[in-house]
Amino acid sequence: MPLSATMVGALLGLGTQMYSNALRKLPYMRHPWEHLLGMGLGVVAANQMVKWEAKSNEDLDKLLEKSRLANERRYFAIVQSLCKDTSFEIDNPDVLK
């Protein structure tokens, strides 16, 4: 994955610089160092996006797990209060899963 993100970033940076030169009707390779700079910035941006996406997925998994546990506690509290109202006791709440 890092290799493909690196290549995509490099192509994005190169393409951006060439497009910029084309819009200004300049030669495509007017200042080669600008292309290298654009490719470097594109590589950094693409790799940071990959890292950010992985971290976001981890954070989302943690939040979903917390939400699932909170919902289960809320559900079992409601079920147990209903069972007490109907004089029906649940010895093992895991049976309801």
PDB file of N, CA and C in Angstrom:
ATOM      1  N   MET A   1       0.810  -1.202   0.000  1.00  0.00           N
ATOM      2  CA  MET A   1       0.000   0.000   0.000  1.00  0.00           C
ATOM      3  C   MET A   1       0.854   1.267   0.000  1.00  0.00           C
ATOM      4  N   PRO A   2       1.959   1.311   0.802  1.00  0.00           N
ATOM      5  CA  PRO A   2       2.757   2.543   0.777  1.00  0.00           C
ATOM      6  C   PRO A   2       3.361   2.833  -0.594  1.00  0.00           C
ATOM      7  N   LEU A   3       3.730   1.785  -1.342  1.00  0.00           N
ATOM      8  CA  LEU A   3       4.314   2.016  -2.651  1.00  0.00           C
ATOM      9  C   LEU A   3       3.292   2.632  -3.598  1.00  0.00           C
ATOM     10  N   SER A   4       2.064   2.120  -3.568  1.00  0.00           N
ATOM     11  CA  SER A   4       1.047   2.682  -4.466  1.00  0.00           C
ATOM     12  C   SER A   4       0.682   4.107  -4.051  1.00  0.00           C
ATOM     13  N   ALA A   5       0.626   4.372  -2.742  1.00  0.00           N
ATOM     14  CA  ALA A   5       0.335   5.738  -2.290  1.00  0.00           C
ATOM     15  C   ALA A   5       1.465   6.677  -2.687  1.00  0.00           C
ATOM     16  N   THR A   6       2.681   6.195  -2.621  1.00  0.00           N
ATOM     17  CA  THR A   6       3.826   7.005  -3.014  1.00  0.00           C
ATOM     18  C   THR A   6       3.773   7.338  -4.502  1.00  0.00           C
ATOM     19  N   MET A   7       3.471   6.335  -5.308  1.00  0.00           N
ATOM     20  CA  MET A   7       3.390   6.565  -6.750  1.00  0.00           C
ATOM     21  C   MET A   7       2.240   7.510  -7.102  1.00  0.00           C
ATOM     22  N   VAL A   8       1.108   7.312  -6.479  1.00  0.00           N
ATOM     23  CA  VAL A   8      -0.039   8.189  -6.742  1.00  0.00           C
ATOM     24  C   VAL A   8       0.300   9.621  -6.344  1.00  0.00           C
ATOM     25  N   GLY A   9       0.945   9.802  -5.190  1.00  0.00           N
ATOM     26  CA  GLY A   9       1.323  11.146  -4.752  1.00  0.00           C
ATOM     27  C   GLY A   9       2.313  11.797  -5.684  1.00  0.00           C
ATOM     28  N   ALA A  10       3.303  11.007  -6.148  1.00  0.00           N
ATOM     29  CA  ALA A  10       4.295  11.559  -7.069  1.00  0.00           C
ATOM     30  C   ALA A  10       3.642  11.966  -8.386  1.00  0.00           C
ATOM     31  N   LEU A  11       2.768  11.131  -8.913  1.00  0.00           N
ATOM     32  CA  LEU A  11       2.082  11.468 -10.160  1.00  0.00           C
ATOM     33  C   LEU A  11       1.150  12.668  -9.989  1.00  0.00           C
ATOM     34  N   LEU A  12       0.524  12.751  -8.829  1.00  0.00           N
ATOM     35  CA  LEU A  12      -0.344  13.898  -8.557  1.00  0.00           C
ATOM     36  C   LEU A  12       0.462  15.196  -8.511  1.00  0.00           C
ATOM     37  N   GLY A  13       1.600  15.167  -7.832  1.00  0.00           N
ATOM     38  CA  GLY A  13       2.444  16.359  -7.769  1.00  0.00           C
ATOM     39  C   GLY A  13       2.993  16.749  -9.130  1.00  0.00           C
ATOM     40  N   LEU A  14       3.453  15.755  -9.896  1.00  0.00           N
ATOM     41  CA  LEU A  14       3.975  16.031 -11.231  1.00  0.00           C
ATOM     42  C   LEU A  14       2.873  16.566 -12.147  1.00  0.00           C
ATOM     43  N   GLY A  15       1.716  15.931 -12.088  1.00  0.00           N
ATOM     44  CA  GLY A  15       0.592  16.360 -12.919  1.00  0.00           C
ATOM     45  C   GLY A  15       0.133  17.771 -12.587  1.00  0.00           C
ATOM     46  N   THR A  16       0.133  18.097 -11.304  1.00  0.00           N
ATOM     47  CA  THR A  16      -0.271  19.442 -10.889  1.00  0.00           C
ATOM     48  C   THR A  16       0.681  20.492 -11.446  1.00  0.00           C
ATOM     49  N   GLN A  17       1.976  20.209 -11.359  1.00  0.00           N
ATOM     50  CA  GLN A  17       2.957  21.177 -11.860  1.00  0.00           C
ATOM     51  C   GLN A  17       2.886  21.305 -13.385  1.00  0.00           C
ATOM     52  N   MET A  18       2.725  20.206 -14.075  1.00  0.00           N
ATOM     53  CA  MET A  18       2.638  20.271 -15.534  1.00  0.00           C
ATOM     54  C   MET A  18       1.358  20.980 -15.969  1.00  0.00           C
ATOM     55  N   TYR A  19       0.269  20.735 -15.262  1.00  0.00           N
ATOM     56  CA  TYR A  19      -0.995  21.409 -15.566  1.00  0.00           C
ATOM     57  C   TYR A  19      -0.869  22.914 -15.325  1.00  0.00           C
ATOM     58  N   SER A  20      -0.174  23.276 -14.252  1.00  0.00           N
ATOM     59  CA  SER A  20       0.029  24.688 -13.952  1.00  0.00           C
ATOM     60  C   SER A  20       0.819  25.365 -15.071  1.00  0.00           C
ATOM     61  N   ASN A  21       1.862  24.686 -15.546  1.00  0.00           N
ATOM     62  CA  ASN A  21       2.649  25.262 -16.649  1.00  0.00           C
ATOM     63  C   ASN A  21       1.830  25.323 -17.935  1.00  0.00           C
ATOM     64  N   ALA A  22       1.009  24.337 -18.184  1.00  0.00           N
ATOM     65  CA  ALA A  22       0.195  24.324 -19.401  1.00  0.00           C
ATOM     66  C   ALA A  22      -0.831  25.458 -19.384  1.00  0.00           C
ATOM     67  N   LEU A  23      -1.430  25.721 -18.226  1.00  0.00           N
ATOM     68  CA  LEU A  23      -2.394  26.818 -18.126  1.00  0.00           C
ATOM     69  C   LEU A  23      -1.747  28.170 -18.413  1.00  0.00           C
ATOM     70  N   ARG A  24      -0.505  28.312 -17.998  1.00  0.00           N
ATOM     71  CA  ARG A  24       0.197  29.574 -18.215  1.00  0.00           C
ATOM     72  C   ARG A  24       0.914  29.617 -19.559  1.00  0.00           C
ATOM     73  N   LYS A  25       0.694  28.577 -20.380  1.00  0.00           N
ATOM     74  CA  LYS A  25       1.299  28.461 -21.711  1.00  0.00           C
ATOM     75  C   LYS A  25       2.826  28.570 -21.650  1.00  0.00           C
ATOM     76  N   LEU A  26       3.391  27.876 -20.673  1.00  0.00           N
ATOM     77  CA  LEU A  26       4.838  27.790 -20.508  1.00  0.00           C
ATOM     78  C   LEU A  26       5.283  26.397 -20.932  1.00  0.00           C
ATOM     79  N   PRO A  27       6.552  26.207 -21.200  1.00  0.00           N
ATOM     80  CA  PRO A  27       7.032  24.853 -21.481  1.00  0.00           C
ATOM     81  C   PRO A  27       6.773  23.950 -20.265  1.00  0.00           C
ATOM     82  N   TYR A  28       6.397  22.701 -20.553  1.00  0.00           N
ATOM     83  CA  TYR A  28       6.030  21.786 -19.462  1.00  0.00           C
ATOM     84  C   TYR A  28       7.146  21.627 -18.433  1.00  0.00           C
ATOM     85  N   MET A  29       8.377  21.510 -18.874  1.00  0.00           N
ATOM     86  CA  MET A  29       9.497  21.275 -17.972  1.00  0.00           C
ATOM     87  C   MET A  29      10.336  22.550 -17.795  1.00  0.00           C
ATOM     88  N   ARG A  30       9.688  23.664 -17.547  1.00  0.00           N
ATOM     89  CA  ARG A  30      10.364  24.962 -17.462  1.00  0.00           C
ATOM     90  C   ARG A  30      11.380  24.990 -16.330  1.00  0.00           C
ATOM     91  N   HIS A  31      10.959  24.659 -15.146  1.00  0.00           N
ATOM     92  CA  HIS A  31      11.850  24.575 -13.979  1.00  0.00           C
ATOM     93  C   HIS A  31      11.731  23.163 -13.417  1.00  0.00           C
ATOM     94  N   PRO A  32      12.661  22.284 -13.733  1.00  0.00           N
ATOM     95  CA  PRO A  32      12.552  20.885 -13.275  1.00  0.00           C
ATOM     96  C   PRO A  32      12.508  20.738 -11.757  1.00  0.00           C
ATOM     97  N   TRP A  33      13.154  21.639 -11.023  1.00  0.00           N
ATOM     98  CA  TRP A  33      13.124  21.527  -9.570  1.00  0.00           C
ATOM     99  C   TRP A  33      11.708  21.717  -9.032  1.00  0.00           C
ATOM    100  N   GLU A  34      10.866  22.485  -9.718  1.00  0.00           N
ATOM    101  CA  GLU A  34       9.476  22.648  -9.280  1.00  0.00           C
ATOM    102  C   GLU A  34       8.725  21.326  -9.407  1.00  0.00           C
ATOM    103  N   HIS A  35       9.054  20.546 -10.434  1.00  0.00           N
ATOM    104  CA  HIS A  35       8.416  19.244 -10.586  1.00  0.00           C
ATOM    105  C   HIS A  35       8.833  18.307  -9.460  1.00  0.00           C
ATOM    106  N   LEU A  36      10.109  18.343  -9.115  1.00  0.00           N
ATOM    107  CA  LEU A  36      10.579  17.511  -8.004  1.00  0.00           C
ATOM    108  C   LEU A  36       9.936  17.931  -6.694  1.00  0.00           C
ATOM    109  N   LEU A  37       9.815  19.221  -6.486  1.00  0.00           N
ATOM    110  CA  LEU A  37       9.166  19.720  -5.278  1.00  0.00           C
ATOM    111  C   LEU A  37       7.696  19.291  -5.234  1.00  0.00           C
ATOM    112  N   GLY A  38       7.015  19.427  -6.357  1.00  0.00           N
ATOM    113  CA  GLY A  38       5.609  19.003  -6.421  1.00  0.00           C
ATOM    114  C   GLY A  38       5.451  17.515  -6.185  1.00  0.00           C
ATOM    115  N   MET A  39       6.358  16.718  -6.757  1.00  0.00           N
ATOM    116  CA  MET A  39       6.300  15.273  -6.544  1.00  0.00           C
ATOM    117  C   MET A  39       6.549  14.934  -5.078  1.00  0.00           C
ATOM    118  N   GLY A  40       7.503  15.616  -4.456  1.00  0.00           N
ATOM    119  CA  GLY A  40       7.782  15.369  -3.036  1.00  0.00           C
ATOM    120  C   GLY A  40       6.601  15.714  -2.156  1.00  0.00           C
ATOM    121  N   LEU A  41       5.990  16.854  -2.425  1.00  0.00           N
ATOM    122  CA  LEU A  41       4.810  17.244  -1.637  1.00  0.00           C
ATOM    123  C   LEU A  41       3.645  16.284  -1.868  1.00  0.00           C
ATOM    124  N   GLY A  42       3.498  15.817  -3.107  1.00  0.00           N
ATOM    125  CA  GLY A  42       2.442  14.850  -3.398  1.00  0.00           C
ATOM    126  C   GLY A  42       2.654  13.541  -2.680  1.00  0.00           C
ATOM    127  N   VAL A  43       3.898  13.088  -2.620  1.00  0.00           N
ATOM    128  CA  VAL A  43       4.223  11.837  -1.912  1.00  0.00           C
ATOM    129  C   VAL A  43       3.904  11.970  -0.428  1.00  0.00           C
ATOM    130  N   VAL A  44       4.329  13.063   0.172  1.00  0.00           N
ATOM    131  CA  VAL A  44       4.061  13.279   1.600  1.00  0.00           C
ATOM    132  C   VAL A  44       2.559  13.341   1.861  1.00  0.00           C
ATOM    133  N   ALA A  45       1.832  14.066   1.031  1.00  0.00           N
ATOM    134  CA  ALA A  45       0.382  14.202   1.223  1.00  0.00           C
ATOM    135  C   ALA A  45      -0.325  12.851   1.083  1.00  0.00           C
ATOM    136  N   ALA A  46       0.045  12.069   0.081  1.00  0.00           N
ATOM    137  CA  ALA A  46      -0.617  10.779  -0.129  1.00  0.00           C
ATOM    138  C   ALA A  46      -0.327   9.821   1.018  1.00  0.00           C
ATOM    139  N   ASN A  47       0.916   9.780   1.486  1.00  0.00           N
ATOM    140  CA  ASN A  47       1.248   8.883   2.592  1.00  0.00           C
ATOM    141  C   ASN A  47       0.588   9.319   3.892  1.00  0.00           C
ATOM    142  N   GLN A  48       0.471  10.612   4.118  1.00  0.00           N
ATOM    143  CA  GLN A  48      -0.232  11.084   5.313  1.00  0.00           C
ATOM    144  C   GLN A  48      -1.720  10.739   5.261  1.00  0.00           C
ATOM    145  N   MET A  49      -2.287  10.788   4.055  1.00  0.00           N
ATOM    146  CA  MET A  49      -3.705  10.408   3.908  1.00  0.00           C
ATOM    147  C   MET A  49      -3.913   8.942   4.265  1.00  0.00           C
ATOM    148  N   VAL A  50      -2.984   8.084   3.866  1.00  0.00           N
ATOM    149  CA  VAL A  50      -3.088   6.654   4.187  1.00  0.00           C
ATOM    150  C   VAL A  50      -3.007   6.453   5.698  1.00  0.00           C
ATOM    151  N   LYS A  51      -2.057   7.133   6.352  1.00  0.00           N
ATOM    152  CA  LYS A  51      -1.931   7.022   7.809  1.00  0.00           C
ATOM    153  C   LYS A  51      -3.179   7.559   8.507  1.00  0.00           C
ATOM    154  N   TRP A  52      -3.691   8.687   8.018  1.00  0.00           N
ATOM    155  CA  TRP A  52      -4.876   9.281   8.625  1.00  0.00           C
ATOM    156  C   TRP A  52      -6.091   8.359   8.493  1.00  0.00           C
ATOM    157  N   GLU A  53      -6.222   7.705   7.339  1.00  0.00           N
ATOM    158  CA  GLU A  53      -7.344   6.794   7.133  1.00  0.00           C
ATOM    159  C   GLU A  53      -7.261   5.599   8.079  1.00  0.00           C
ATOM    160  N   ALA A  54      -6.071   5.047   8.267  1.00  0.00           N
ATOM    161  CA  ALA A  54      -5.909   3.915   9.180  1.00  0.00           C
ATOM    162  C   ALA A  54      -6.242   4.325  10.614  1.00  0.00           C
ATOM    163  N   LYS A  55      -5.786   5.495  11.029  1.00  0.00           N
ATOM    164  CA  LYS A  55      -6.080   5.970  12.385  1.00  0.00           C
ATOM    165  C   LYS A  55      -7.572   6.247  12.551  1.00  0.00           C
ATOM    166  N   SER A  56      -8.196   6.796  11.527  1.00  0.00           N
ATOM    167  CA  SER A  56      -9.637   7.060  11.592  1.00  0.00           C
ATOM    168  C   SER A  56     -10.425   5.766  11.711  1.00  0.00           C
ATOM    169  N   ASN A  57     -10.004   4.724  11.003  1.00  0.00           N
ATOM    170  CA  ASN A  57     -10.689   3.438  11.101  1.00  0.00           C
ATOM    171  C   ASN A  57     -10.540   2.842  12.495  1.00  0.00           C
ATOM    172  N   GLU A  58      -9.364   2.960  13.104  1.00  0.00           N
ATOM    173  CA  GLU A  58      -9.171   2.469  14.471  1.00  0.00           C
ATOM    174  C   GLU A  58     -10.058   3.231  15.448  1.00  0.00           C
ATOM    175  N   ASP A  59     -10.095   4.546  15.322  1.00  0.00           N
ATOM    176  CA  ASP A  59     -10.932   5.359  16.210  1.00  0.00           C
ATOM    177  C   ASP A  59     -12.411   5.021  16.032  1.00  0.00           C
ATOM    178  N   LEU A  60     -12.826   4.796  14.789  1.00  0.00           N
ATOM    179  CA  LEU A  60     -14.214   4.445  14.535  1.00  0.00           C
ATOM    180  C   LEU A  60     -14.556   3.102  15.160  1.00  0.00           C
ATOM    181  N   ASP A  61     -13.656   2.128  15.059  1.00  0.00           N
ATOM    182  CA  ASP A  61     -13.904   0.832  15.676  1.00  0.00           C
ATOM    183  C   ASP A  61     -14.050   0.954  17.184  1.00  0.00           C
ATOM    184  N   LYS A  62     -13.209   1.785  17.815  1.00  0.00           N
ATOM    185  CA  LYS A  62     -13.315   1.987  19.263  1.00  0.00           C
ATOM    186  C   LYS A  62     -14.655   2.618  19.629  1.00  0.00           C
ATOM    187  N   LEU A  63     -15.070   3.635  18.865  1.00  0.00           N
ATOM    188  CA  LEU A  63     -16.348   4.296  19.158  1.00  0.00           C
ATOM    189  C   LEU A  63     -17.531   3.357  18.950  1.00  0.00           C
ATOM    190  N   LEU A  64     -17.473   2.540  17.917  1.00  0.00           N
ATOM    191  CA  LEU A  64     -18.558   1.594  17.676  1.00  0.00           C
ATOM    192  C   LEU A  64     -18.645   0.553  18.784  1.00  0.00           C
ATOM    193  N   GLU A  65     -17.495   0.117  19.289  1.00  0.00           N
ATOM    194  CA  GLU A  65     -17.490  -0.850  20.389  1.00  0.00           C
ATOM    195  C   GLU A  65     -18.070  -0.226  21.654  1.00  0.00           C
ATOM    196  N   LYS A  66     -17.685   1.031  21.946  1.00  0.00           N
ATOM    197  CA  LYS A  66     -18.253   1.707  23.113  1.00  0.00           C
ATOM    198  C   LYS A  66     -19.760   1.879  22.963  1.00  0.00           C
ATOM    199  N   SER A  67     -20.201   2.220  21.776  1.00  0.00           N
ATOM    200  CA  SER A  67     -21.624   2.404  21.531  1.00  0.00           C
ATOM    201  C   SER A  67     -22.379   1.089  21.670  1.00  0.00           C
ATOM    202  N   ARG A  68     -21.778   0.014  21.153  1.00  0.00           N
ATOM    203  CA  ARG A  68     -22.428  -1.293  21.255  1.00  0.00           C
ATOM    204  C   ARG A  68     -22.573  -1.710  22.717  1.00  0.00           C
ATOM    205  N   LEU A  69     -21.526  -1.494  23.509  1.00  0.00           N
ATOM    206  CA  LEU A  69     -21.598  -1.858  24.929  1.00  0.00           C
ATOM    207  C   LEU A  69     -22.631  -1.007  25.667  1.00  0.00           C
ATOM    208  N   ALA A  70     -22.685   0.289  25.356  1.00  0.00           N
ATOM    209  CA  ALA A  70     -23.675   1.164  25.996  1.00  0.00           C
ATOM    210  C   ALA A  70     -25.096   0.742  25.618  1.00  0.00           C
ATOM    211  N   ASN A  71     -25.303   0.384  24.376  1.00  0.00           N
ATOM    212  CA  ASN A  71     -26.623  -0.066  23.944  1.00  0.00           C
ATOM    213  C   ASN A  71     -27.012  -1.375  24.616  1.00  0.00           C
ATOM    214  N   GLU A  72     -26.049  -2.282  24.761  1.00  0.00           N
ATOM    215  CA  GLU A  72     -26.354  -3.539  25.447  1.00  0.00           C
ATOM    216  C   GLU A  72     -26.719  -3.286  26.905  1.00  0.00           C
ATOM    217  N   ARG A  73     -25.963  -2.409  27.588  1.00  0.00           N
ATOM    218  CA  ARG A  73     -26.298  -2.107  28.986  1.00  0.00           C
ATOM    219  C   ARG A  73     -27.690  -1.497  29.079  1.00  0.00           C
ATOM    220  N   ARG A  74     -28.004  -0.587  28.171  1.00  0.00           N
ATOM    221  CA  ARG A  74     -29.308   0.060  28.170  1.00  0.00           C
ATOM    222  C   ARG A  74     -30.412  -0.957  27.888  1.00  0.00           C
ATOM    223  N   TYR A  75     -30.165  -1.845  26.926  1.00  0.00           N
ATOM    224  CA  TYR A  75     -31.164  -2.849  26.564  1.00  0.00           C
ATOM    225  C   TYR A  75     -31.414  -3.804  27.725  1.00  0.00           C
ATOM    226  N   PHE A  76     -30.339  -4.297  28.360  1.00  0.00           N
ATOM    227  CA  PHE A  76     -30.521  -5.241  29.453  1.00  0.00           C
ATOM    228  C   PHE A  76     -31.155  -4.588  30.662  1.00  0.00           C
ATOM    229  N   ALA A  77     -30.901  -3.288  30.874  1.00  0.00           N
ATOM    230  CA  ALA A  77     -31.561  -2.593  31.981  1.00  0.00           C
ATOM    231  C   ALA A  77     -33.060  -2.516  31.727  1.00  0.00           C
ATOM    232  N   ILE A  78     -33.460  -2.254  30.498  1.00  0.00           N
ATOM    233  CA  ILE A  78     -34.883  -2.194  30.157  1.00  0.00           C
ATOM    234  C   ILE A  78     -35.514  -3.566  30.283  1.00  0.00           C
ATOM    235  N   VAL A  79     -34.846  -4.593  29.769  1.00  0.00           N
ATOM    236  CA  VAL A  79     -35.389  -5.956  29.823  1.00  0.00           C
ATOM    237  C   VAL A  79     -35.518  -6.414  31.261  1.00  0.00           C
ATOM    238  N   GLN A  80     -34.528  -6.140  32.092  1.00  0.00           N
ATOM    239  CA  GLN A  80     -34.600  -6.566  33.480  1.00  0.00           C
ATOM    240  C   GLN A  80     -35.694  -5.816  34.224  1.00  0.00           C
ATOM    241  N   SER A  81     -35.897  -4.533  33.926  1.00  0.00           N
ATOM    242  CA  SER A  81     -36.973  -3.805  34.601  1.00  0.00           C
ATOM    243  C   SER A  81     -38.333  -4.324  34.143  1.00  0.00           C
ATOM    244  N   LEU A  82     -38.461  -4.703  32.876  1.00  0.00           N
ATOM    245  CA  LEU A  82     -39.716  -5.285  32.404  1.00  0.00           C
ATOM    246  C   LEU A  82     -39.950  -6.647  33.025  1.00  0.00           C
ATOM    247  N   CYS A  83     -38.897  -7.408  33.196  1.00  0.00           N
ATOM    248  CA  CYS A  83     -39.035  -8.735  33.795  1.00  0.00           C
ATOM    249  C   CYS A  83     -39.416  -8.628  35.258  1.00  0.00           C
ATOM    250  N   LYS A  84     -38.935  -7.608  35.946  1.00  0.00           N
ATOM    251  CA  LYS A  84     -39.305  -7.424  37.355  1.00  0.00           C
ATOM    252  C   LYS A  84     -40.772  -7.025  37.459  1.00  0.00           C
ATOM    253  N   ASP A  85     -41.228  -6.256  36.484  1.00  0.00           N
ATOM    254  CA  ASP A  85     -42.631  -5.849  36.489  1.00  0.00           C
ATOM    255  C   ASP A  85     -43.550  -7.043  36.275  1.00  0.00           C
ATOM    256  N   THR A  86     -43.130  -8.004  35.510  1.00  0.00           N
ATOM    257  CA  THR A  86     -43.968  -9.163  35.216  1.00  0.00           C
ATOM    258  C   THR A  86     -43.639 -10.344  36.119  1.00  0.00           C
ATOM    259  N   SER A  87     -42.834 -10.102  37.154  1.00  0.00           N
ATOM    260  CA  SER A  87     -42.395 -11.121  38.112  1.00  0.00           C
ATOM    261  C   SER A  87     -41.757 -12.314  37.412  1.00  0.00           C
ATOM    262  N   PHE A  88     -40.933 -12.013  36.450  1.00  0.00           N
ATOM    263  CA  PHE A  88     -40.180 -13.038  35.730  1.00  0.00           C
ATOM    264  C   PHE A  88     -38.715 -12.686  35.873  1.00  0.00           C
ATOM    265  N   GLU A  89     -37.948 -13.568  36.464  1.00  0.00           N
ATOM    266  CA  GLU A  89     -36.540 -13.298  36.718  1.00  0.00           C
ATOM    267  C   GLU A  89     -35.665 -13.939  35.644  1.00  0.00           C
ATOM    268  N   ILE A  90     -34.648 -13.200  35.233  1.00  0.00           N
ATOM    269  CA  ILE A  90     -33.661 -13.732  34.300  1.00  0.00           C
ATOM    270  C   ILE A  90     -32.384 -13.967  35.102  1.00  0.00           C
ATOM    271  N   ASP A  91     -31.986 -15.216  35.200  1.00  0.00           N
ATOM    272  CA  ASP A  91     -30.766 -15.526  35.945  1.00  0.00           C
ATOM    273  C   ASP A  91     -29.529 -15.243  35.096  1.00  0.00           C
ATOM    274  N   ASN A  92     -29.616 -15.496  33.807  1.00  0.00           N
ATOM    275  CA  ASN A  92     -28.459 -15.329  32.927  1.00  0.00           C
ATOM    276  C   ASN A  92     -28.859 -14.396  31.768  1.00  0.00           C
ATOM    277  N   PRO A  93     -28.440 -13.128  31.820  1.00  0.00           N
ATOM    278  CA  PRO A  93     -28.807 -12.198  30.735  1.00  0.00           C
ATOM    279  C   PRO A  93     -28.138 -12.536  29.420  1.00  0.00           C
ATOM    280  N   ASP A  94     -27.131 -13.413  29.426  1.00  0.00           N
ATOM    281  CA  ASP A  94     -26.485 -13.796  28.172  1.00  0.00           C
ATOM    282  C   ASP A  94     -27.412 -14.631  27.303  1.00  0.00           C
ATOM    283  N   VAL A  95     -28.455 -15.171  27.884  1.00  0.00           N
ATOM    284  CA  VAL A  95     -29.408 -15.958  27.101  1.00  0.00           C
ATOM    285  C   VAL A  95     -30.119 -15.086  26.079  1.00  0.00           C
ATOM    286  N   LEU A  96     -30.266 -13.801  26.376  1.00  0.00           N
ATOM    287  CA  LEU A  96     -30.989 -12.898  25.481  1.00  0.00           C
ATOM    288  C   LEU A  96     -30.178 -12.493  24.263  1.00  0.00           C
ATOM    289  N   LYS A  97     -28.898 -12.784  24.250  1.00  0.00           N
ATOM    290  CA  LYS A  97     -28.065 -12.378  23.109  1.00  0.00           C
ATOM    291  C   LYS A  97     -28.349 -13.197  21.882  1.00  0.00           C
TER     292      LYS A  97
END
